[in-house]
Amino acid sequence: MLTLSQAAKATGKSKSVISHALKTGKIEGNKNADGTYEIEPNQLMAAFGEPSEKNAKPKQSGVSTDSERQNALQIIADERAETI
């Protein structure tokens, strides 16, 4: 499961795009009691396509997100491996 931030980093989309997709039903996620979301990686792939390095979206502050993105991509890869 990915958080909203992890899903945004993995897809190269903004958190607001992921949030909008959740609200409109384009993707499904579980909303926790604290208001955070848990999103299945396969939902992201179905809605936004296979993650790739081309989708990388650098932070506007100029701070690298490579390690955060790699963590999110690793979660997706692990989830995919478990379903095979």
C-alpha atoms as a PDB file:
ATOM      1  CA  MET A   1       0.000   0.000   0.000  1.00  0.00           C
ATOM      2  CA  LEU A   2       1.163   3.506  -0.786  1.00  0.00           C
ATOM      3  CA  THR A   3       0.399   6.793   0.898  1.00  0.00           C
ATOM      4  CA  LEU A   4      -0.840   9.725  -1.141  1.00  0.00           C
ATOM      5  CA  SER A   5       2.685  11.180  -1.190  1.00  0.00           C
ATOM      6  CA  GLN A   6       4.267   7.888  -2.231  1.00  0.00           C
ATOM      7  CA  ALA A   7       1.666   7.433  -4.979  1.00  0.00           C
ATOM      8  CA  ALA A   8       2.368  10.929  -6.294  1.00  0.00           C
ATOM      9  CA  LYS A   9       6.108  10.313  -6.306  1.00  0.00           C
ATOM     10  CA  ALA A  10       5.755   6.921  -7.977  1.00  0.00           C
ATOM     11  CA  THR A  11       3.584   8.254 -10.791  1.00  0.00           C
ATOM     12  CA  GLY A  12       5.219  11.646 -11.205  1.00  0.00           C
ATOM     13  CA  LYS A  13       1.826  13.265 -10.598  1.00  0.00           C
ATOM     14  CA  SER A  14       1.012  15.849  -7.964  1.00  0.00           C
ATOM     15  CA  LYS A  15      -0.727  14.904  -4.732  1.00  0.00           C
ATOM     16  CA  SER A  16      -3.719  16.956  -5.875  1.00  0.00           C
ATOM     17  CA  VAL A  17      -4.009  14.848  -9.060  1.00  0.00           C
ATOM     18  CA  ILE A  18      -3.910  11.635  -7.009  1.00  0.00           C
ATOM     19  CA  SER A  19      -6.396  13.086  -4.515  1.00  0.00           C
ATOM     20  CA  HIS A  20      -8.752  14.106  -7.323  1.00  0.00           C
ATOM     21  CA  ALA A  21      -8.498  10.612  -8.827  1.00  0.00           C
ATOM     22  CA  LEU A  22      -9.475   9.157  -5.458  1.00  0.00           C
ATOM     23  CA  LYS A  23     -12.425  11.526  -5.031  1.00  0.00           C
ATOM     24  CA  THR A  24     -13.758  10.940  -8.548  1.00  0.00           C
ATOM     25  CA  GLY A  25     -13.348   7.165  -8.397  1.00  0.00           C
ATOM     26  CA  LYS A  26     -10.622   6.907 -11.047  1.00  0.00           C
ATOM     27  CA  ILE A  27      -8.609   5.017  -8.420  1.00  0.00           C
ATOM     28  CA  GLU A  28      -9.677   3.437  -5.155  1.00  0.00           C
ATOM     29  CA  GLY A  29      -8.002   3.761  -1.805  1.00  0.00           C
ATOM     30  CA  ASN A  30      -8.728   3.179   1.839  1.00  0.00           C
ATOM     31  CA  LYS A  31      -9.146   6.282   3.957  1.00  0.00           C
ATOM     32  CA  ASN A  32      -7.799   5.766   7.468  1.00  0.00           C
ATOM     33  CA  ALA A  33      -9.298   7.237  10.633  1.00  0.00           C
ATOM     34  CA  ASP A  34      -6.572   9.890  10.652  1.00  0.00           C
ATOM     35  CA  GLY A  35      -7.559  11.005   7.131  1.00  0.00           C
ATOM     36  CA  THR A  36      -4.599   9.477   5.318  1.00  0.00           C
ATOM     37  CA  TYR A  37      -5.056   7.199   2.329  1.00  0.00           C
ATOM     38  CA  GLU A  38      -3.690   3.775   1.497  1.00  0.00           C
ATOM     39  CA  ILE A  39      -3.593   3.134  -2.237  1.00  0.00           C
ATOM     40  CA  GLU A  40      -2.955  -0.180  -3.977  1.00  0.00           C
ATOM     41  CA  PRO A  41      -0.139   0.100  -6.539  1.00  0.00           C
ATOM     42  CA  ASN A  42      -2.183  -1.761  -9.146  1.00  0.00           C
ATOM     43  CA  GLN A  43      -4.786   1.024  -8.941  1.00  0.00           C
ATOM     44  CA  LEU A  44      -2.108   3.534  -9.892  1.00  0.00           C
ATOM     45  CA  MET A  45      -0.856   1.419 -12.783  1.00  0.00           C
ATOM     46  CA  ALA A  46      -4.374   0.967 -14.134  1.00  0.00           C
ATOM     47  CA  ALA A  47      -5.108   4.680 -13.974  1.00  0.00           C
ATOM     48  CA  PHE A  48      -1.749   6.242 -14.812  1.00  0.00           C
ATOM     49  CA  GLY A  49       0.227   3.510 -16.550  1.00  0.00           C
ATOM     50  CA  GLU A  50       3.377   1.676 -15.634  1.00  0.00           C
ATOM     51  CA  PRO A  51       5.735   3.802 -13.555  1.00  0.00           C
ATOM     52  CA  SER A  52       8.906   4.809 -15.326  1.00  0.00           C
ATOM     53  CA  GLU A  53      11.841   7.094 -14.801  1.00  0.00           C
ATOM     54  CA  LYS A  54      10.331   9.435 -17.417  1.00  0.00           C
ATOM     55  CA  ASN A  55       7.480  10.166 -14.999  1.00  0.00           C
ATOM     56  CA  ALA A  56       9.877  11.535 -12.403  1.00  0.00           C
ATOM     57  CA  LYS A  57       8.765  14.903 -11.142  1.00  0.00           C
ATOM     58  CA  PRO A  58      11.446  16.956  -9.391  1.00  0.00           C
ATOM     59  CA  LYS A  59      10.467  18.970  -6.341  1.00  0.00           C
ATOM     60  CA  GLN A  60      10.053  22.637  -7.126  1.00  0.00           C
ATOM     61  CA  SER A  61      12.347  23.489  -4.236  1.00  0.00           C
ATOM     62  CA  GLY A  62      15.168  21.812  -6.132  1.00  0.00           C
ATOM     63  CA  VAL A  63      15.622  19.107  -3.494  1.00  0.00           C
ATOM     64  CA  SER A  64      16.106  15.686  -5.053  1.00  0.00           C
ATOM     65  CA  THR A  65      13.367  13.119  -4.527  1.00  0.00           C
ATOM     66  CA  ASP A  66      15.255  10.232  -6.117  1.00  0.00           C
ATOM     67  CA  SER A  67      15.446   8.124  -2.959  1.00  0.00           C
ATOM     68  CA  GLU A  68      11.784   8.768  -2.100  1.00  0.00           C
ATOM     69  CA  ARG A  69      10.762   7.884  -5.656  1.00  0.00           C
ATOM     70  CA  GLN A  70      12.888   4.745  -5.601  1.00  0.00           C
ATOM     71  CA  ASN A  71      11.237   3.694  -2.334  1.00  0.00           C
ATOM     72  CA  ALA A  72       7.782   4.135  -3.861  1.00  0.00           C
ATOM     73  CA  LEU A  73       8.777   2.258  -7.020  1.00  0.00           C
ATOM     74  CA  GLN A  74      10.213  -0.549  -4.879  1.00  0.00           C
ATOM     75  CA  ILE A  75       6.899  -0.854  -3.019  1.00  0.00           C
ATOM     76  CA  ILE A  76       5.117  -1.175  -6.367  1.00  0.00           C
ATOM     77  CA  ALA A  77       7.604  -3.793  -7.582  1.00  0.00           C
ATOM     78  CA  ASP A  78       7.263  -5.766  -4.352  1.00  0.00           C
ATOM     79  CA  GLU A  79       3.457  -5.677  -4.541  1.00  0.00           C
ATOM     80  CA  ARG A  80       3.559  -6.849  -8.174  1.00  0.00           C
ATOM     81  CA  ALA A  81       5.923  -9.704  -7.281  1.00  0.00           C
ATOM     82  CA  GLU A  82       3.531 -10.870  -4.565  1.00  0.00           C
ATOM     83  CA  THR A  83       0.631 -11.076  -7.024  1.00  0.00           C
ATOM     84  CA  ILE A  84       2.524 -13.159  -9.594  1.00  0.00           C
END
